[in-house]
Amino acid sequence: MKRVWMIAAACLTALLLLLSPVSARAEGITMDAEVGFDGVYLIGNWTPVRVGIENAGNDFEGSLEVTVNIGQRSEAIYSTPVSLPNTSEKEYTIYARIPDAQFSLNINLTDGKGQVSPIRPARVLQTLKATGLKPIDRGNYLLGLITDDQPSLGYWKEKLAGNQLLSNYQPISLDASNFPDRSEVLSAFSVLVINHFDTDSFRPQQLENLNAWLNDGGVLIVGAGVNGRQTLSALTDHILPVSAGELKTWNSPD
């Protein structure tokens, strides 16, 4: 009888170990992350979480998970599969909706691939805490400054006072590397300013989203001047029906 109890206890212990996530460590893997745009995000909007991973260890297959608090007792988890050969470096983008003001997010690297299994839950191998987030409430909006010469648009970072169109905004520096290629992210911006920028560096998906954003009522301000042809180069097809050297007038809608 005693032998039976010992076998049963051993089986139970093995089962508990199998069912419980075991703390482990991903050797040779380092991570860094950016939430939103240098930490800035619009509350309630879809927000990109960019995670850079470098693997100096063995080949790795797993997933990245971003945990967002929903109220006081619930949370949402957004994930993406990760595949990292030895001596590789990749960037992954996870899109998460953050419903309220949160000043940090936990980003977990697990040994799972996004599947939820009651038999063997994914183990958390490494956790990165992104801190210093800057939530913007719904009474404000994001204004994108798209330029290869950020100082040239520095005056936009001095917010206008009063109840005007160009007030109550948070300026965001953008270029081809971080311009949203998803419409649900671009919708956080109410105004975009493009100046001294080679729009040919935009990817096709970014241009499609810019056009859809304009059709949805976004405000686009384009500076021309000596770099006008470069700035207008990718916009004159279907986004802006003008080209450098032309002068065109639009009547205001009634």
C-alpha atoms as a PDB file:
ATOM      1  CA  MET A   1       0.000   0.000   0.000  1.00  0.00           C
ATOM      2  CA  LYS A   2       2.828   2.313   0.876  1.00  0.00           C
ATOM      3  CA  ARG A   3       4.420   1.629  -2.517  1.00  0.00           C
ATOM      4  CA  VAL A   4       1.147   2.533  -4.263  1.00  0.00           C
ATOM      5  CA  TRP A   5       0.947   5.853  -2.409  1.00  0.00           C
ATOM      6  CA  MET A   6       4.560   6.685  -3.319  1.00  0.00           C
ATOM      7  CA  ILE A   7       3.880   6.006  -7.005  1.00  0.00           C
ATOM      8  CA  ALA A   8       0.696   8.086  -6.882  1.00  0.00           C
ATOM      9  CA  ALA A   9       2.498  10.985  -5.181  1.00  0.00           C
ATOM     10  CA  ALA A  10       5.277  10.871  -7.786  1.00  0.00           C
ATOM     11  CA  CYS A  11       2.738  10.909 -10.635  1.00  0.00           C
ATOM     12  CA  LEU A  12       0.857  13.805  -9.046  1.00  0.00           C
ATOM     13  CA  THR A  13       4.066  15.812  -8.632  1.00  0.00           C
ATOM     14  CA  ALA A  14       5.022  15.191 -12.272  1.00  0.00           C
ATOM     15  CA  LEU A  15       1.536  16.244 -13.405  1.00  0.00           C
ATOM     16  CA  LEU A  16       1.676  19.481 -11.391  1.00  0.00           C
ATOM     17  CA  LEU A  17       5.062  20.315 -12.883  1.00  0.00           C
ATOM     18  CA  LEU A  18       3.662  19.684 -16.339  1.00  0.00           C
ATOM     19  CA  LEU A  19       0.612  21.843 -15.811  1.00  0.00           C
ATOM     20  CA  SER A  20       2.385  24.740 -14.082  1.00  0.00           C
ATOM     21  CA  PRO A  21       4.483  27.270 -16.009  1.00  0.00           C
ATOM     22  CA  VAL A  22       8.083  26.841 -14.915  1.00  0.00           C
ATOM     23  CA  SER A  23      10.343  29.837 -14.610  1.00  0.00           C
ATOM     24  CA  ALA A  24      13.166  29.587 -17.145  1.00  0.00           C
ATOM     25  CA  ARG A  25      15.575  31.810 -18.984  1.00  0.00           C
ATOM     26  CA  ALA A  26      16.258  32.311 -22.676  1.00  0.00           C
ATOM     27  CA  GLU A  27      20.041  32.184 -22.780  1.00  0.00           C
ATOM     28  CA  GLY A  28      21.733  34.588 -25.162  1.00  0.00           C
ATOM     29  CA  ILE A  29      18.582  36.591 -25.948  1.00  0.00           C
ATOM     30  CA  THR A  30      18.313  40.323 -25.308  1.00  0.00           C
ATOM     31  CA  MET A  31      15.269  42.541 -25.932  1.00  0.00           C
ATOM     32  CA  ASP A  32      14.385  46.214 -26.158  1.00  0.00           C
ATOM     33  CA  ALA A  33      11.036  47.805 -26.913  1.00  0.00           C
ATOM     34  CA  GLU A  34       9.265  51.021 -27.882  1.00  0.00           C
ATOM     35  CA  VAL A  35       5.592  51.513 -27.097  1.00  0.00           C
ATOM     36  CA  GLY A  36       3.673  53.858 -29.368  1.00  0.00           C
ATOM     37  CA  PHE A  37       5.841  56.724 -30.560  1.00  0.00           C
ATOM     38  CA  ASP A  38       8.702  57.220 -28.137  1.00  0.00           C
ATOM     39  CA  GLY A  39       6.308  56.132 -25.378  1.00  0.00           C
ATOM     40  CA  VAL A  40       3.399  58.339 -26.485  1.00  0.00           C
ATOM     41  CA  TYR A  41       0.074  56.653 -27.269  1.00  0.00           C
ATOM     42  CA  LEU A  42      -3.548  57.732 -27.604  1.00  0.00           C
ATOM     43  CA  ILE A  43      -5.769  56.102 -24.990  1.00  0.00           C
ATOM     44  CA  GLY A  44      -8.259  53.646 -26.480  1.00  0.00           C
ATOM     45  CA  ASN A  45      -6.497  53.523 -29.850  1.00  0.00           C
ATOM     46  CA  TRP A  46      -4.522  50.687 -31.396  1.00  0.00           C
ATOM     47  CA  THR A  47      -0.881  51.208 -30.518  1.00  0.00           C
ATOM     48  CA  PRO A  48       2.245  49.607 -32.025  1.00  0.00           C
ATOM     49  CA  VAL A  49       4.640  47.902 -29.624  1.00  0.00           C
ATOM     50  CA  ARG A  50       7.955  47.403 -31.435  1.00  0.00           C
ATOM     51  CA  VAL A  51      10.228  44.796 -29.882  1.00  0.00           C
ATOM     52  CA  GLY A  52      13.809  44.294 -31.037  1.00  0.00           C
ATOM     53  CA  ILE A  53      15.291  40.883 -30.220  1.00  0.00           C
ATOM     54  CA  GLU A  54      18.879  39.725 -30.603  1.00  0.00           C
ATOM     55  CA  ASN A  55      19.706  36.048 -30.278  1.00  0.00           C
ATOM     56  CA  ALA A  56      23.309  35.080 -29.537  1.00  0.00           C
ATOM     57  CA  GLY A  57      22.303  31.589 -28.358  1.00  0.00           C
ATOM     58  CA  ASN A  58      20.680  28.522 -29.894  1.00  0.00           C
ATOM     59  CA  ASP A  59      17.915  28.624 -32.520  1.00  0.00           C
ATOM     60  CA  PHE A  60      14.694  29.726 -30.814  1.00  0.00           C
ATOM     61  CA  GLU A  61      10.978  29.315 -31.533  1.00  0.00           C
ATOM     62  CA  GLY A  62       8.398  30.919 -29.272  1.00  0.00           C
ATOM     63  CA  SER A  63       6.195  33.982 -28.971  1.00  0.00           C
ATOM     64  CA  LEU A  64       6.098  37.541 -27.716  1.00  0.00           C
ATOM     65  CA  GLU A  65       3.199  38.582 -25.493  1.00  0.00           C
ATOM     66  CA  VAL A  66       2.133  42.090 -24.467  1.00  0.00           C
ATOM     67  CA  THR A  67      -0.072  42.227 -21.382  1.00  0.00           C
ATOM     68  CA  VAL A  68      -2.545  45.128 -21.065  1.00  0.00           C
ATOM     69  CA  ASN A  69      -4.601  45.718 -17.936  1.00  0.00           C
ATOM     70  CA  ILE A  70      -8.360  45.931 -18.509  1.00  0.00           C
ATOM     71  CA  GLY A  71      -9.901  47.422 -15.388  1.00  0.00           C
ATOM     72  CA  GLN A  72      -8.665  46.250 -11.993  1.00  0.00           C
ATOM     73  CA  ARG A  73      -8.946  42.489 -12.358  1.00  0.00           C
ATOM     74  CA  SER A  74      -8.757  41.647 -16.046  1.00  0.00           C
ATOM     75  CA  GLU A  75      -6.075  41.763 -18.672  1.00  0.00           C
ATOM     76  CA  ALA A  76      -5.736  41.298 -22.422  1.00  0.00           C
ATOM     77  CA  ILE A  77      -2.784  39.540 -24.019  1.00  0.00           C
ATOM     78  CA  TYR A  78      -1.632  40.351 -27.552  1.00  0.00           C
ATOM     79  CA  SER A  79       0.936  38.005 -29.070  1.00  0.00           C
ATOM     80  CA  THR A  80       2.937  37.148 -32.172  1.00  0.00           C
ATOM     81  CA  PRO A  81       5.087  34.096 -33.042  1.00  0.00           C
ATOM     82  CA  VAL A  82       8.866  34.495 -32.887  1.00  0.00           C
ATOM     83  CA  SER A  83      11.485  32.614 -34.902  1.00  0.00           C
ATOM     84  CA  LEU A  84      15.108  33.442 -34.149  1.00  0.00           C
ATOM     85  CA  PRO A  85      17.997  31.488 -35.668  1.00  0.00           C
ATOM     86  CA  ASN A  86      21.346  31.585 -33.920  1.00  0.00           C
ATOM     87  CA  THR A  87      23.186  34.943 -34.217  1.00  0.00           C
ATOM     88  CA  SER A  88      20.147  36.759 -35.604  1.00  0.00           C
ATOM     89  CA  GLU A  89      18.440  40.057 -34.889  1.00  0.00           C
ATOM     90  CA  LYS A  90      14.826  40.875 -35.708  1.00  0.00           C
ATOM     91  CA  GLU A  91      12.128  43.415 -34.912  1.00  0.00           C
ATOM     92  CA  TYR A  92       8.552  42.381 -34.226  1.00  0.00           C
ATOM     93  CA  THR A  93       5.549  44.689 -33.990  1.00  0.00           C
ATOM     94  CA  ILE A  94       2.554  43.813 -31.836  1.00  0.00           C
ATOM     95  CA  TYR A  95      -0.573  45.967 -32.037  1.00  0.00           C
ATOM     96  CA  ALA A  96      -2.367  46.456 -28.725  1.00  0.00           C
ATOM     97  CA  ARG A  97      -5.342  48.522 -27.640  1.00  0.00           C
ATOM     98  CA  ILE A  98      -4.663  50.272 -24.323  1.00  0.00           C
ATOM     99  CA  PRO A  99      -8.015  51.392 -22.875  1.00  0.00           C
ATOM    100  CA  ASP A 100      -6.787  53.722 -20.135  1.00  0.00           C
ATOM    101  CA  ALA A 101      -3.724  55.492 -18.792  1.00  0.00           C
ATOM    102  CA  GLN A 102      -0.977  52.939 -18.204  1.00  0.00           C
ATOM    103  CA  PHE A 103       2.579  54.018 -17.594  1.00  0.00           C
ATOM    104  CA  SER A 104       4.260  50.652 -18.129  1.00  0.00           C
ATOM    105  CA  LEU A 105       3.671  47.401 -20.027  1.00  0.00           C
ATOM    106  CA  ASN A 106       5.047  43.907 -19.495  1.00  0.00           C
ATOM    107  CA  ILE A 107       6.398  42.185 -22.602  1.00  0.00           C
ATOM    108  CA  ASN A 108       7.003  38.445 -22.165  1.00  0.00           C
ATOM    109  CA  LEU A 109       9.060  36.103 -24.293  1.00  0.00           C
ATOM    110  CA  THR A 110       7.626  32.575 -23.997  1.00  0.00           C
ATOM    111  CA  ASP A 111       8.440  29.134 -25.347  1.00  0.00           C
ATOM    112  CA  GLY A 112       4.957  28.788 -26.844  1.00  0.00           C
ATOM    113  CA  LYS A 113       3.757  29.839 -30.285  1.00  0.00           C
ATOM    114  CA  GLY A 114       0.595  31.632 -29.303  1.00  0.00           C
ATOM    115  CA  GLN A 115      -1.446  28.464 -28.678  1.00  0.00           C
ATOM    116  CA  VAL A 116      -3.322  28.082 -25.421  1.00  0.00           C
ATOM    117  CA  SER A 117      -2.791  24.551 -24.118  1.00  0.00           C
ATOM    118  CA  PRO A 118      -4.269  23.212 -20.849  1.00  0.00           C
ATOM    119  CA  ILE A 119      -1.735  20.371 -20.976  1.00  0.00           C
ATOM    120  CA  ARG A 120       1.395  22.468 -21.199  1.00  0.00           C
ATOM    121  CA  PRO A 121       1.022  26.231 -20.754  1.00  0.00           C
ATOM    122  CA  ALA A 122       3.742  28.351 -22.300  1.00  0.00           C
ATOM    123  CA  ARG A 123       6.616  29.191 -20.008  1.00  0.00           C
ATOM    124  CA  VAL A 124       7.748  32.787 -19.600  1.00  0.00           C
ATOM    125  CA  LEU A 125      11.447  32.808 -20.417  1.00  0.00           C
ATOM    126  CA  GLN A 126      12.129  36.521 -20.198  1.00  0.00           C
ATOM    127  CA  THR A 127      10.182  39.648 -19.231  1.00  0.00           C
ATOM    128  CA  LEU A 128      10.867  43.190 -20.370  1.00  0.00           C
ATOM    129  CA  LYS A 129       9.056  46.024 -18.618  1.00  0.00           C
ATOM    130  CA  ALA A 130       8.533  49.051 -20.851  1.00  0.00           C
ATOM    131  CA  THR A 131       8.300  52.104 -18.589  1.00  0.00           C
ATOM    132  CA  GLY A 132       7.902  55.859 -18.949  1.00  0.00           C
ATOM    133  CA  LEU A 133       4.826  55.659 -21.170  1.00  0.00           C
ATOM    134  CA  LYS A 134       3.002  58.905 -21.951  1.00  0.00           C
ATOM    135  CA  PRO A 135      -0.744  58.340 -22.426  1.00  0.00           C
ATOM    136  CA  ILE A 136      -2.720  61.038 -24.263  1.00  0.00           C
ATOM    137  CA  ASP A 137      -6.402  61.268 -23.354  1.00  0.00           C
ATOM    138  CA  ARG A 138      -9.229  61.471 -25.876  1.00  0.00           C
ATOM    139  CA  GLY A 139      -9.600  65.237 -25.414  1.00  0.00           C
ATOM    140  CA  ASN A 140      -6.350  65.644 -27.335  1.00  0.00           C
ATOM    141  CA  TYR A 141      -5.000  64.227 -30.574  1.00  0.00           C
ATOM    142  CA  LEU A 142      -1.724  63.281 -32.221  1.00  0.00           C
ATOM    143  CA  LEU A 143      -0.152  65.556 -34.846  1.00  0.00           C
ATOM    144  CA  GLY A 144       2.460  63.874 -37.047  1.00  0.00           C
ATOM    145  CA  LEU A 145       5.535  65.788 -38.228  1.00  0.00           C
ATOM    146  CA  ILE A 146       6.924  63.934 -41.256  1.00  0.00           C
ATOM    147  CA  THR A 147      10.293  65.289 -42.294  1.00  0.00           C
ATOM    148  CA  ASP A 148      13.941  64.393 -42.835  1.00  0.00           C
ATOM    149  CA  ASP A 149      14.828  67.645 -41.057  1.00  0.00           C
ATOM    150  CA  GLN A 150      12.998  67.696 -37.716  1.00  0.00           C
ATOM    151  CA  PRO A 151      14.378  71.117 -36.638  1.00  0.00           C
ATOM    152  CA  SER A 152      12.636  72.652 -39.670  1.00  0.00           C
ATOM    153  CA  LEU A 153       9.264  71.773 -38.101  1.00  0.00           C
ATOM    154  CA  GLY A 154      10.267  72.615 -34.550  1.00  0.00           C
ATOM    155  CA  TYR A 155       7.756  75.451 -34.345  1.00  0.00           C
ATOM    156  CA  TRP A 156       4.920  72.893 -34.487  1.00  0.00           C
ATOM    157  CA  LYS A 157       6.078  71.616 -31.120  1.00  0.00           C
ATOM    158  CA  GLU A 158       5.022  74.920 -29.546  1.00  0.00           C
ATOM    159  CA  LYS A 159       1.313  74.305 -29.067  1.00  0.00           C
ATOM    160  CA  LEU A 160      -1.094  77.072 -30.002  1.00  0.00           C
ATOM    161  CA  ALA A 161      -3.230  78.409 -27.187  1.00  0.00           C
ATOM    162  CA  GLY A 162      -6.978  78.782 -27.338  1.00  0.00           C
ATOM    163  CA  ASN A 163      -9.830  76.784 -28.776  1.00  0.00           C
ATOM    164  CA  GLN A 164      -8.498  76.446 -32.325  1.00  0.00           C
ATOM    165  CA  LEU A 165      -8.125  73.594 -34.789  1.00  0.00           C
ATOM    166  CA  LEU A 166      -4.376  73.378 -34.258  1.00  0.00           C
ATOM    167  CA  SER A 167      -4.383  73.123 -30.482  1.00  0.00           C
ATOM    168  CA  ASN A 168      -4.749  70.363 -27.907  1.00  0.00           C
ATOM    169  CA  TYR A 169      -2.356  68.173 -29.828  1.00  0.00           C
ATOM    170  CA  GLN A 170       0.699  66.074 -29.062  1.00  0.00           C
ATOM    171  CA  PRO A 171       3.416  66.459 -31.740  1.00  0.00           C
ATOM    172  CA  ILE A 172       4.948  63.185 -32.951  1.00  0.00           C
ATOM    173  CA  SER A 173       8.091  62.949 -35.092  1.00  0.00           C
ATOM    174  CA  LEU A 174       7.594  60.525 -37.990  1.00  0.00           C
ATOM    175  CA  ASP A 175       9.593  59.209 -40.923  1.00  0.00           C
ATOM    176  CA  ALA A 176       9.396  56.216 -43.266  1.00  0.00           C
ATOM    177  CA  SER A 177      10.569  53.822 -40.542  1.00  0.00           C
ATOM    178  CA  ASN A 178       7.784  54.509 -38.026  1.00  0.00           C
ATOM    179  CA  PHE A 179       4.966  55.934 -40.166  1.00  0.00           C
ATOM    180  CA  PRO A 180       1.937  53.696 -39.477  1.00  0.00           C
ATOM    181  CA  ASP A 181       1.264  51.060 -42.118  1.00  0.00           C
ATOM    182  CA  ARG A 182      -2.035  50.102 -40.486  1.00  0.00           C
ATOM    183  CA  SER A 183      -5.129  52.273 -40.732  1.00  0.00           C
ATOM    184  CA  GLU A 184      -6.207  51.623 -37.138  1.00  0.00           C
ATOM    185  CA  VAL A 185      -2.919  53.110 -35.905  1.00  0.00           C
ATOM    186  CA  LEU A 186      -2.921  56.075 -38.310  1.00  0.00           C
ATOM    187  CA  SER A 187      -6.441  56.958 -37.122  1.00  0.00           C
ATOM    188  CA  ALA A 188      -4.904  58.241 -33.872  1.00  0.00           C
ATOM    189  CA  PHE A 189      -3.540  61.194 -35.878  1.00  0.00           C
ATOM    190  CA  SER A 190      -5.889  64.046 -36.757  1.00  0.00           C
ATOM    191  CA  VAL A 191      -3.300  66.202 -38.573  1.00  0.00           C
ATOM    192  CA  LEU A 192      -0.157  65.316 -40.554  1.00  0.00           C
ATOM    193  CA  VAL A 193       2.482  67.824 -41.687  1.00  0.00           C
ATOM    194  CA  ILE A 194       4.906  66.790 -44.469  1.00  0.00           C
ATOM    195  CA  ASN A 195       7.873  68.976 -45.342  1.00  0.00           C
ATOM    196  CA  HIS A 196      11.426  68.414 -46.628  1.00  0.00           C
ATOM    197  CA  PHE A 197      10.776  64.697 -47.005  1.00  0.00           C
ATOM    198  CA  ASP A 198      11.265  62.180 -49.806  1.00  0.00           C
ATOM    199  CA  THR A 199       7.838  60.558 -50.004  1.00  0.00           C
ATOM    200  CA  ASP A 200       9.251  57.888 -52.364  1.00  0.00           C
ATOM    201  CA  SER A 201      10.685  56.300 -49.210  1.00  0.00           C
ATOM    202  CA  PHE A 202       7.145  55.359 -48.111  1.00  0.00           C
ATOM    203  CA  ARG A 203       6.131  51.731 -48.596  1.00  0.00           C
ATOM    204  CA  PRO A 204       3.048  51.101 -50.783  1.00  0.00           C
ATOM    205  CA  GLN A 205       0.965  50.117 -47.744  1.00  0.00           C
ATOM    206  CA  GLN A 206       1.863  53.379 -46.017  1.00  0.00           C
ATOM    207  CA  LEU A 207       0.732  55.390 -49.037  1.00  0.00           C
ATOM    208  CA  GLU A 208      -2.520  53.437 -49.254  1.00  0.00           C
ATOM    209  CA  ASN A 209      -3.229  54.144 -45.593  1.00  0.00           C
ATOM    210  CA  LEU A 210      -2.390  57.826 -46.025  1.00  0.00           C
ATOM    211  CA  ASN A 211      -4.895  58.066 -48.873  1.00  0.00           C
ATOM    212  CA  ALA A 212      -7.601  56.243 -46.874  1.00  0.00           C
ATOM    213  CA  TRP A 213      -6.893  58.475 -43.864  1.00  0.00           C
ATOM    214  CA  LEU A 214      -7.424  61.580 -46.038  1.00  0.00           C
ATOM    215  CA  ASN A 215     -10.697  60.197 -47.370  1.00  0.00           C
ATOM    216  CA  ASP A 216     -11.817  59.647 -43.784  1.00  0.00           C
ATOM    217  CA  GLY A 217     -11.329  63.337 -42.975  1.00  0.00           C
ATOM    218  CA  GLY A 218      -7.692  63.625 -41.936  1.00  0.00           C
ATOM    219  CA  VAL A 219      -5.999  67.021 -42.354  1.00  0.00           C
ATOM    220  CA  LEU A 220      -2.780  66.970 -44.411  1.00  0.00           C
ATOM    221  CA  ILE A 221      -0.469  70.004 -44.591  1.00  0.00           C
ATOM    222  CA  VAL A 222       2.292  69.777 -47.221  1.00  0.00           C
ATOM    223  CA  GLY A 223       5.219  72.177 -47.436  1.00  0.00           C
ATOM    224  CA  ALA A 224       6.896  72.642 -50.805  1.00  0.00           C
ATOM    225  CA  GLY A 225       9.630  75.244 -51.398  1.00  0.00           C
ATOM    226  CA  VAL A 226      13.021  74.152 -52.755  1.00  0.00           C
ATOM    227  CA  ASN A 227      12.322  70.509 -51.841  1.00  0.00           C
ATOM    228  CA  GLY A 228       8.793  70.517 -53.214  1.00  0.00           C
ATOM    229  CA  ARG A 229       9.362  67.993 -55.996  1.00  0.00           C
ATOM    230  CA  GLN A 230      10.888  65.505 -53.578  1.00  0.00           C
ATOM    231  CA  THR A 231       8.102  66.004 -51.056  1.00  0.00           C
ATOM    232  CA  LEU A 232       5.363  65.635 -53.678  1.00  0.00           C
ATOM    233  CA  SER A 233       7.019  62.818 -55.655  1.00  0.00           C
ATOM    234  CA  ALA A 234       4.901  59.932 -54.286  1.00  0.00           C
ATOM    235  CA  LEU A 235       1.807  62.009 -53.524  1.00  0.00           C
ATOM    236  CA  THR A 236       0.830  63.363 -56.935  1.00  0.00           C
ATOM    237  CA  ASP A 237      -0.641  60.137 -58.311  1.00  0.00           C
ATOM    238  CA  HIS A 238      -3.837  59.625 -56.289  1.00  0.00           C
ATOM    239  CA  ILE A 239      -3.219  61.383 -52.957  1.00  0.00           C
ATOM    240  CA  LEU A 240      -2.660  64.959 -54.179  1.00  0.00           C
ATOM    241  CA  PRO A 241      -3.806  65.744 -57.764  1.00  0.00           C
ATOM    242  CA  VAL A 242      -1.148  68.434 -58.294  1.00  0.00           C
ATOM    243  CA  SER A 243       2.557  68.538 -59.103  1.00  0.00           C
ATOM    244  CA  ALA A 244       5.380  70.960 -58.457  1.00  0.00           C
ATOM    245  CA  GLY A 245       5.066  74.087 -60.568  1.00  0.00           C
ATOM    246  CA  GLU A 246       1.279  74.092 -60.673  1.00  0.00           C
ATOM    247  CA  LEU A 247      -1.065  76.358 -58.788  1.00  0.00           C
ATOM    248  CA  LYS A 248      -4.474  75.032 -57.940  1.00  0.00           C
ATOM    249  CA  THR A 249      -7.323  76.417 -55.832  1.00  0.00           C
ATOM    250  CA  TRP A 250      -9.939  74.414 -53.969  1.00  0.00           C
ATOM    251  CA  ASN A 251     -13.233  75.923 -52.929  1.00  0.00           C
ATOM    252  CA  SER A 252     -14.156  75.430 -49.295  1.00  0.00           C
ATOM    253  CA  PRO A 253     -17.058  73.012 -48.765  1.00  0.00           C
ATOM    254  CA  ASP A 254     -20.309  74.677 -47.737  1.00  0.00           C
END
